[in-house]
Structure formats: structure tokens, C-alpha cells
Amino acid sequence: MKDQVIKIAMADDHVLLRSALAANINKSGNILVVIEASNGQELISQIQAGIIPDIILLDLNMPQLDGYETAKWVHAKYPAIHIIMLTMYDSEPTMIRLLQVGVKGFLKKDTDMTELRYAIHNVMQTGFYFTNNTTGKLINLFRKNQEHSMLMKSMLTEIEMKFLKWVCTDLTYKEIAQEMGVNVRAVDNMRDNLFGKLEVKNRVGLVMYSIKNGIQTF
């Protein structure tokens, strides 16, 4: 492991932050940044061109293709690539969604280089990296699941996720139905089901849930 060069891909739309982080990573001996991308689509294009990293440091909120959709694609096409999510969102539903699409670790964006290097090596050696805070949140979630079935409430379907993204726009429910290619009654039913599932009372509650859990609008 000491002699092996660990190839890193980075996808983050904040250019200065990404460049500074890449420069620091490249000073870490056997860790080398081989891809720098501004969004998920750029990252995927470079992977498809033949640049295959060992680990991807992935921002959750990015234009064109966000961290969730990017992780989902990578996990389906290149399951051997490890994904560490860089995000300020560490809520339980967000982590569950990301774990479902193959994310192997979570780091806050303000993590120092010592912890980042440790996380990279740990993922290479064990296949995952979770901080004490992340582990505690996940344990807490499963504990609540046993008592209140919270896990099922945290699981959102793909169509529900898409609906929540549209809810965060200024479109009416009728216009959202047109964009999604379904009838208005289907949208009304989805909205009402999410009111109960997420324990909110109105559209503002749905928007607040989306913001809290890093669900990016269109």
C-alpha cells in the first residue's frame, strides 16, 4: 500500500476550493489527483475516456449532474471505484440515500488535510470511512427505525425525488404534472402521500425538507 499511488478524482463546482484541495492532496506522497471536474457530467466524461480513479471525492450539490446522480451512475458502471461524499448536509435521510447508491464515506467540506488523507487510506484499506458523528447518526437512525419505522419514511422513490425537485421551483402543481408527464391527479396523490411520509403540512414544508436534505432544484 505504501508504494501504490492512489488515484483521486474530484468533482466540485467551486473551482478555487477544488484547486486548492487538489494541490494539497498532491503533496501527500502516494496520492495523486488525476481528474478535476466541475460537475458530475464532466467527471463521467473523463471516466468514460479511460481515466479510472481509485477514489472519487464528490460534492453533493453541483449543476448539470449532482452528487447523488453521479454516485448512482458510478456505482452502477464502476462499482470498484470508492466514493467519498464531501457535503455540508449530514442529515440521516441524506446519508441513507447516498449509502444506497454506493457512497463509502462522508466528510464535511471543512475537514482538515490530516483527516482527509486518513479517510482516503482507510477507504482503500477497509472499503469505507465513517466519522464518529456519522456512525452515531446512522446508529440512531436504525434505532429509531425499530421504534417508529423512520427508515421507511427516509426512503424516497426516484419519482418522489424528482417531484420534490420540481416542488422547489415556481411551477404550479399542474405545470409540474406536465413536466413529469403524468396527470394532475397523480401529482396530487404524490403530494398528499409525501405530506404524510415526511410529516409536513404544505408545499413550504416540502421545500424546507428538500433544502434541509440537500435535494437540489432543477
C-alpha atoms as a PDB file:
ATOM      1  CA  MET A   1       0.000   0.000   0.000  1.00  0.00           C
ATOM      2  CA  LYS A   2       2.850   2.410   0.758  1.00  0.00           C
ATOM      3  CA  ASP A   3       4.235   2.171  -2.786  1.00  0.00           C
ATOM      4  CA  GLN A   4       0.855   2.235  -4.501  1.00  0.00           C
ATOM      5  CA  VAL A   5      -0.221   5.567  -5.981  1.00  0.00           C
ATOM      6  CA  ILE A   6      -3.844   6.227  -5.040  1.00  0.00           C
ATOM      7  CA  LYS A   7      -5.595   7.948  -7.947  1.00  0.00           C
ATOM      8  CA  ILE A   8      -8.156  10.544  -6.933  1.00  0.00           C
ATOM      9  CA  ALA A   9     -10.934  12.172  -8.941  1.00  0.00           C
ATOM     10  CA  MET A  10     -12.560  15.360  -7.680  1.00  0.00           C
ATOM     11  CA  ALA A  11     -15.899  16.826  -8.718  1.00  0.00           C
ATOM     12  CA  ASP A  12     -16.845  20.180  -7.213  1.00  0.00           C
ATOM     13  CA  ASP A  13     -18.206  23.298  -8.897  1.00  0.00           C
ATOM     14  CA  HIS A  14     -16.257  25.615  -6.566  1.00  0.00           C
ATOM     15  CA  VAL A  15     -13.103  25.999  -8.662  1.00  0.00           C
ATOM     16  CA  LEU A  16     -10.870  27.722  -6.098  1.00  0.00           C
ATOM     17  CA  LEU A  17     -11.744  25.262  -3.337  1.00  0.00           C
ATOM     18  CA  ARG A  18     -11.265  22.305  -5.672  1.00  0.00           C
ATOM     19  CA  SER A  19      -7.914  23.533  -6.978  1.00  0.00           C
ATOM     20  CA  ALA A  20      -6.575  24.292  -3.513  1.00  0.00           C
ATOM     21  CA  LEU A  21      -7.664  20.898  -2.232  1.00  0.00           C
ATOM     22  CA  ALA A  22      -6.139  19.131  -5.223  1.00  0.00           C
ATOM     23  CA  ALA A  23      -2.827  20.953  -4.710  1.00  0.00           C
ATOM     24  CA  ASN A  24      -2.714  19.865  -1.061  1.00  0.00           C
ATOM     25  CA  ILE A  25      -3.642  16.275  -1.917  1.00  0.00           C
ATOM     26  CA  ASN A  26      -0.823  16.103  -4.482  1.00  0.00           C
ATOM     27  CA  LYS A  27       1.650  16.926  -1.717  1.00  0.00           C
ATOM     28  CA  SER A  28       0.633  13.771   0.132  1.00  0.00           C
ATOM     29  CA  GLY A  29       3.223  11.407  -1.320  1.00  0.00           C
ATOM     30  CA  ASN A  30       1.366   8.466  -2.809  1.00  0.00           C
ATOM     31  CA  ILE A  31      -1.932  10.273  -3.501  1.00  0.00           C
ATOM     32  CA  LEU A  32      -2.433  11.877  -6.919  1.00  0.00           C
ATOM     33  CA  VAL A  33      -5.402  13.812  -8.316  1.00  0.00           C
ATOM     34  CA  VAL A  34      -5.986  12.562 -11.869  1.00  0.00           C
ATOM     35  CA  ILE A  35      -9.367  14.210 -12.557  1.00  0.00           C
ATOM     36  CA  GLU A  36     -10.710  17.640 -11.655  1.00  0.00           C
ATOM     37  CA  ALA A  37     -14.303  18.224 -12.745  1.00  0.00           C
ATOM     38  CA  SER A  38     -16.837  20.999 -12.186  1.00  0.00           C
ATOM     39  CA  ASN A  39     -19.850  18.685 -12.178  1.00  0.00           C
ATOM     40  CA  GLY A  40     -20.908  15.090 -12.438  1.00  0.00           C
ATOM     41  CA  GLN A  41     -21.216  15.129 -16.203  1.00  0.00           C
ATOM     42  CA  GLU A  42     -17.610  16.283 -16.654  1.00  0.00           C
ATOM     43  CA  LEU A  43     -16.463  13.578 -14.248  1.00  0.00           C
ATOM     44  CA  ILE A  44     -18.355  10.865 -16.085  1.00  0.00           C
ATOM     45  CA  SER A  45     -16.967  12.022 -19.446  1.00  0.00           C
ATOM     46  CA  GLN A  46     -13.387  11.712 -18.195  1.00  0.00           C
ATOM     47  CA  ILE A  47     -14.023   8.291 -16.690  1.00  0.00           C
ATOM     48  CA  GLN A  48     -15.570   7.143 -19.969  1.00  0.00           C
ATOM     49  CA  ALA A  49     -12.455   8.471 -21.740  1.00  0.00           C
ATOM     50  CA  GLY A  50     -10.405   5.942 -19.788  1.00  0.00           C
ATOM     51  CA  ILE A  51      -9.183   7.800 -16.696  1.00  0.00           C
ATOM     52  CA  ILE A  52     -10.215   5.437 -13.914  1.00  0.00           C
ATOM     53  CA  PRO A  53      -9.630   6.691 -10.342  1.00  0.00           C
ATOM     54  CA  ASP A  54      -9.466   4.607  -7.190  1.00  0.00           C
ATOM     55  CA  ILE A  55     -11.479   7.129  -5.187  1.00  0.00           C
ATOM     56  CA  ILE A  56     -13.841   9.956  -6.086  1.00  0.00           C
ATOM     57  CA  LEU A  57     -14.207  12.969  -3.794  1.00  0.00           C
ATOM     58  CA  LEU A  58     -17.669  14.094  -4.762  1.00  0.00           C
ATOM     59  CA  ASP A  59     -19.591  17.250  -3.932  1.00  0.00           C
ATOM     60  CA  LEU A  60     -23.289  16.687  -3.295  1.00  0.00           C
ATOM     61  CA  ASN A  61     -24.680  19.864  -4.849  1.00  0.00           C
ATOM     62  CA  MET A  62     -23.430  20.519  -8.382  1.00  0.00           C
ATOM     63  CA  PRO A  63     -25.019  21.853 -11.590  1.00  0.00           C
ATOM     64  CA  GLN A  64     -25.921  19.593 -14.544  1.00  0.00           C
ATOM     65  CA  LEU A  65     -25.497  16.365 -12.585  1.00  0.00           C
ATOM     66  CA  ASP A  66     -25.445  16.388  -8.787  1.00  0.00           C
ATOM     67  CA  GLY A  67     -23.516  14.145  -6.419  1.00  0.00           C
ATOM     68  CA  TYR A  68     -26.378  11.727  -5.853  1.00  0.00           C
ATOM     69  CA  GLU A  69     -26.995  11.041  -9.551  1.00  0.00           C
ATOM     70  CA  THR A  70     -23.256  10.885 -10.244  1.00  0.00           C
ATOM     71  CA  ALA A  71     -22.676   8.393  -7.428  1.00  0.00           C
ATOM     72  CA  LYS A  72     -25.562   6.305  -8.698  1.00  0.00           C
ATOM     73  CA  TRP A  73     -24.013   6.156 -12.194  1.00  0.00           C
ATOM     74  CA  VAL A  74     -20.513   5.355 -10.910  1.00  0.00           C
ATOM     75  CA  HIS A  75     -21.810   2.630  -8.591  1.00  0.00           C
ATOM     76  CA  ALA A  76     -23.714   1.005 -11.468  1.00  0.00           C
ATOM     77  CA  LYS A  77     -20.929   1.247 -14.073  1.00  0.00           C
ATOM     78  CA  TYR A  78     -17.730   1.113 -11.981  1.00  0.00           C
ATOM     79  CA  PRO A  79     -18.549  -0.482  -8.616  1.00  0.00           C
ATOM     80  CA  ALA A  80     -14.847  -0.884  -7.755  1.00  0.00           C
ATOM     81  CA  ILE A  81     -14.427   2.904  -7.535  1.00  0.00           C
ATOM     82  CA  HIS A  82     -14.812   4.154  -3.981  1.00  0.00           C
ATOM     83  CA  ILE A  83     -16.850   7.304  -3.411  1.00  0.00           C
ATOM     84  CA  ILE A  84     -16.372   9.750  -0.536  1.00  0.00           C
ATOM     85  CA  MET A  85     -19.022  12.442  -0.384  1.00  0.00           C
ATOM     86  CA  LEU A  86     -17.967  15.974   0.518  1.00  0.00           C
ATOM     87  CA  THR A  87     -21.017  17.760   1.839  1.00  0.00           C
ATOM     88  CA  MET A  88     -22.344  20.120   4.453  1.00  0.00           C
ATOM     89  CA  TYR A  89     -25.525  18.020   4.649  1.00  0.00           C
ATOM     90  CA  ASP A  90     -25.196  15.227   7.205  1.00  0.00           C
ATOM     91  CA  SER A  91     -28.857  14.546   7.981  1.00  0.00           C
ATOM     92  CA  GLU A  92     -29.901  10.938   8.382  1.00  0.00           C
ATOM     93  CA  PRO A  93     -32.161  10.730   5.271  1.00  0.00           C
ATOM     94  CA  THR A  94     -29.410  12.238   3.114  1.00  0.00           C
ATOM     95  CA  MET A  95     -26.852   9.682   4.315  1.00  0.00           C
ATOM     96  CA  ILE A  96     -29.266   6.788   3.764  1.00  0.00           C
ATOM     97  CA  ARG A  97     -29.937   7.886   0.175  1.00  0.00           C
ATOM     98  CA  LEU A  98     -26.211   8.173  -0.532  1.00  0.00           C
ATOM     99  CA  LEU A  99     -25.369   4.823   1.060  1.00  0.00           C
ATOM    100  CA  GLN A 100     -27.952   3.239  -1.230  1.00  0.00           C
ATOM    101  CA  VAL A 101     -26.010   4.412  -4.292  1.00  0.00           C
ATOM    102  CA  GLY A 102     -22.623   3.146  -3.132  1.00  0.00           C
ATOM    103  CA  VAL A 103     -21.108   6.051  -1.175  1.00  0.00           C
ATOM    104  CA  LYS A 104     -18.385   4.649   1.110  1.00  0.00           C
ATOM    105  CA  GLY A 105     -17.702   7.638   3.348  1.00  0.00           C
ATOM    106  CA  PHE A 106     -18.729  11.146   4.325  1.00  0.00           C
ATOM    107  CA  LEU A 107     -16.603  14.198   5.038  1.00  0.00           C
ATOM    108  CA  LYS A 108     -17.528  17.783   5.788  1.00  0.00           C
ATOM    109  CA  LYS A 109     -16.126  20.309   3.328  1.00  0.00           C
ATOM    110  CA  ASP A 110     -14.144  21.998   6.094  1.00  0.00           C
ATOM    111  CA  THR A 111     -12.315  18.761   7.005  1.00  0.00           C
ATOM    112  CA  ASP A 112      -8.573  19.266   7.502  1.00  0.00           C
ATOM    113  CA  MET A 113      -5.974  17.520   5.347  1.00  0.00           C
ATOM    114  CA  THR A 114      -4.941  15.099   8.074  1.00  0.00           C
ATOM    115  CA  GLU A 115      -8.432  13.635   8.290  1.00  0.00           C
ATOM    116  CA  LEU A 116      -8.852  13.678   4.512  1.00  0.00           C
ATOM    117  CA  ARG A 117      -5.646  11.692   3.994  1.00  0.00           C
ATOM    118  CA  TYR A 118      -6.688   9.271   6.722  1.00  0.00           C
ATOM    119  CA  ALA A 119     -10.110   8.837   5.102  1.00  0.00           C
ATOM    120  CA  ILE A 120      -8.549   8.145   1.687  1.00  0.00           C
ATOM    121  CA  HIS A 121      -6.201   5.487   3.075  1.00  0.00           C
ATOM    122  CA  ASN A 122      -8.938   3.978   5.224  1.00  0.00           C
ATOM    123  CA  VAL A 123     -11.302   3.612   2.271  1.00  0.00           C
ATOM    124  CA  MET A 124      -8.556   1.929   0.253  1.00  0.00           C
ATOM    125  CA  GLN A 125      -7.765  -0.490   3.076  1.00  0.00           C
ATOM    126  CA  THR A 126     -11.211  -1.274   4.516  1.00  0.00           C
ATOM    127  CA  GLY A 127     -13.647  -0.121   1.846  1.00  0.00           C
ATOM    128  CA  PHE A 128     -15.313   2.576   3.942  1.00  0.00           C
ATOM    129  CA  TYR A 129     -14.770   5.582   6.189  1.00  0.00           C
ATOM    130  CA  PHE A 130     -17.245   6.995   8.685  1.00  0.00           C
ATOM    131  CA  THR A 131     -16.544   9.597  11.349  1.00  0.00           C
ATOM    132  CA  ASN A 132     -17.835   9.058  14.867  1.00  0.00           C
ATOM    133  CA  ASN A 133     -20.512  11.648  14.165  1.00  0.00           C
ATOM    134  CA  THR A 134     -21.682   9.862  11.013  1.00  0.00           C
ATOM    135  CA  THR A 135     -21.693   6.466  12.706  1.00  0.00           C
ATOM    136  CA  GLY A 136     -23.718   7.880  15.569  1.00  0.00           C
ATOM    137  CA  LYS A 137     -26.307   9.333  13.212  1.00  0.00           C
ATOM    138  CA  LEU A 138     -26.678   6.042  11.339  1.00  0.00           C
ATOM    139  CA  ILE A 139     -26.971   4.017  14.541  1.00  0.00           C
ATOM    140  CA  ASN A 140     -29.530   6.498  15.789  1.00  0.00           C
ATOM    141  CA  LEU A 141     -31.494   6.194  12.563  1.00  0.00           C
ATOM    142  CA  PHE A 142     -31.707   2.411  12.751  1.00  0.00           C
ATOM    143  CA  ARG A 143     -32.643   2.596  16.420  1.00  0.00           C
ATOM    144  CA  LYS A 144     -35.486   4.946  15.576  1.00  0.00           C
ATOM    145  CA  ASN A 145     -36.432   2.654  12.730  1.00  0.00           C
ATOM    146  CA  GLN A 146     -37.089  -0.154  15.190  1.00  0.00           C
ATOM    147  CA  GLU A 147     -39.270   2.112  17.310  1.00  0.00           C
ATOM    148  CA  HIS A 148     -41.007   4.363  14.769  1.00  0.00           C
ATOM    149  CA  SER A 149     -40.360   2.946  11.258  1.00  0.00           C
ATOM    150  CA  MET A 150     -38.363   6.097  10.462  1.00  0.00           C
ATOM    151  CA  LEU A 151     -36.201   4.305   7.917  1.00  0.00           C
ATOM    152  CA  MET A 152     -39.131   3.727   5.577  1.00  0.00           C
ATOM    153  CA  LYS A 153     -40.048   7.391   5.843  1.00  0.00           C
ATOM    154  CA  SER A 154     -36.480   8.275   4.878  1.00  0.00           C
ATOM    155  CA  MET A 155     -36.609   6.149   1.745  1.00  0.00           C
ATOM    156  CA  LEU A 156     -37.866   8.169  -1.176  1.00  0.00           C
ATOM    157  CA  THR A 157     -38.535   6.708  -4.597  1.00  0.00           C
ATOM    158  CA  GLU A 158     -36.935   8.138  -7.726  1.00  0.00           C
ATOM    159  CA  ILE A 159     -40.211   9.716  -8.842  1.00  0.00           C
ATOM    160  CA  GLU A 160     -40.704  11.261  -5.389  1.00  0.00           C
ATOM    161  CA  MET A 161     -37.202  12.728  -5.536  1.00  0.00           C
ATOM    162  CA  LYS A 162     -37.932  14.205  -8.966  1.00  0.00           C
ATOM    163  CA  PHE A 163     -41.235  15.604  -7.709  1.00  0.00           C
ATOM    164  CA  LEU A 164     -39.511  17.292  -4.750  1.00  0.00           C
ATOM    165  CA  LYS A 165     -37.057  18.947  -7.123  1.00  0.00           C
ATOM    166  CA  TRP A 166     -39.957  20.392  -9.126  1.00  0.00           C
ATOM    167  CA  VAL A 167     -41.730  21.457  -5.929  1.00  0.00           C
ATOM    168  CA  CYS A 168     -38.730  23.718  -5.215  1.00  0.00           C
ATOM    169  CA  THR A 169     -39.405  25.665  -8.434  1.00  0.00           C
ATOM    170  CA  ASP A 170     -42.096  28.292  -9.031  1.00  0.00           C
ATOM    171  CA  LEU A 171     -44.196  25.961 -11.195  1.00  0.00           C
ATOM    172  CA  THR A 172     -47.771  25.177 -10.230  1.00  0.00           C
ATOM    173  CA  TYR A 173     -48.742  21.579  -9.464  1.00  0.00           C
ATOM    174  CA  LYS A 174     -50.472  21.441 -12.874  1.00  0.00           C
ATOM    175  CA  GLU A 175     -47.273  22.589 -14.591  1.00  0.00           C
ATOM    176  CA  ILE A 176     -45.223  20.079 -12.547  1.00  0.00           C
ATOM    177  CA  ALA A 177     -47.537  17.313 -13.776  1.00  0.00           C
ATOM    178  CA  GLN A 178     -46.889  18.404 -17.369  1.00  0.00           C
ATOM    179  CA  GLU A 179     -43.114  18.431 -16.832  1.00  0.00           C
ATOM    180  CA  MET A 180     -43.210  14.964 -15.270  1.00  0.00           C
ATOM    181  CA  GLY A 181     -45.502  13.578 -17.975  1.00  0.00           C
ATOM    182  CA  VAL A 182     -48.232  12.494 -15.559  1.00  0.00           C
ATOM    183  CA  ASN A 183     -51.755  13.711 -14.885  1.00  0.00           C
ATOM    184  CA  VAL A 184     -52.614  16.266 -12.217  1.00  0.00           C
ATOM    185  CA  ARG A 185     -54.323  13.666 -10.028  1.00  0.00           C
ATOM    186  CA  ALA A 186     -51.100  11.617  -9.864  1.00  0.00           C
ATOM    187  CA  VAL A 187     -49.200  14.706  -8.704  1.00  0.00           C
ATOM    188  CA  ASP A 188     -51.887  15.497  -6.129  1.00  0.00           C
ATOM    189  CA  ASN A 189     -51.689  11.942  -4.793  1.00  0.00           C
ATOM    190  CA  MET A 190     -47.885  12.084  -4.642  1.00  0.00           C
ATOM    191  CA  ARG A 191     -48.015  15.409  -2.812  1.00  0.00           C
ATOM    192  CA  ASP A 192     -50.520  14.105  -0.267  1.00  0.00           C
ATOM    193  CA  ASN A 193     -48.516  10.910   0.266  1.00  0.00           C
ATOM    194  CA  LEU A 194     -45.366  12.964   0.889  1.00  0.00           C
ATOM    195  CA  PHE A 195     -47.224  15.170   3.364  1.00  0.00           C
ATOM    196  CA  GLY A 196     -47.829  12.046   5.435  1.00  0.00           C
ATOM    197  CA  LYS A 197     -44.494  10.366   4.742  1.00  0.00           C
ATOM    198  CA  LEU A 198     -42.412  13.414   5.632  1.00  0.00           C
ATOM    199  CA  GLU A 199     -44.819  14.724   8.288  1.00  0.00           C
ATOM    200  CA  VAL A 200     -45.261  18.151   6.710  1.00  0.00           C
ATOM    201  CA  LYS A 201     -48.469  20.094   6.097  1.00  0.00           C
ATOM    202  CA  ASN A 202     -47.949  22.100   2.925  1.00  0.00           C
ATOM    203  CA  ARG A 203     -45.692  22.890  -0.041  1.00  0.00           C
ATOM    204  CA  VAL A 204     -43.476  25.085   2.097  1.00  0.00           C
ATOM    205  CA  GLY A 205     -42.839  22.067   4.322  1.00  0.00           C
ATOM    206  CA  LEU A 206     -41.821  20.014   1.288  1.00  0.00           C
ATOM    207  CA  VAL A 207     -39.443  22.762   0.158  1.00  0.00           C
ATOM    208  CA  MET A 208     -37.920  23.061   3.645  1.00  0.00           C
ATOM    209  CA  TYR A 209     -37.405  19.284   3.756  1.00  0.00           C
ATOM    210  CA  SER A 210     -35.693  19.413   0.333  1.00  0.00           C
ATOM    211  CA  ILE A 211     -33.378  22.228   1.388  1.00  0.00           C
ATOM    212  CA  LYS A 212     -32.512  20.567   4.694  1.00  0.00           C
ATOM    213  CA  ASN A 213     -31.593  17.313   2.971  1.00  0.00           C
ATOM    214  CA  GLY A 214     -29.645  18.756   0.052  1.00  0.00           C
ATOM    215  CA  ILE A 215     -32.183  17.920  -2.656  1.00  0.00           C
ATOM    216  CA  GLN A 216     -31.122  20.268  -5.423  1.00  0.00           C
ATOM    217  CA  THR A 217     -33.714  22.002  -7.567  1.00  0.00           C
ATOM    218  CA  PHE A 218     -33.658  21.970 -11.363  1.00  0.00           C
END
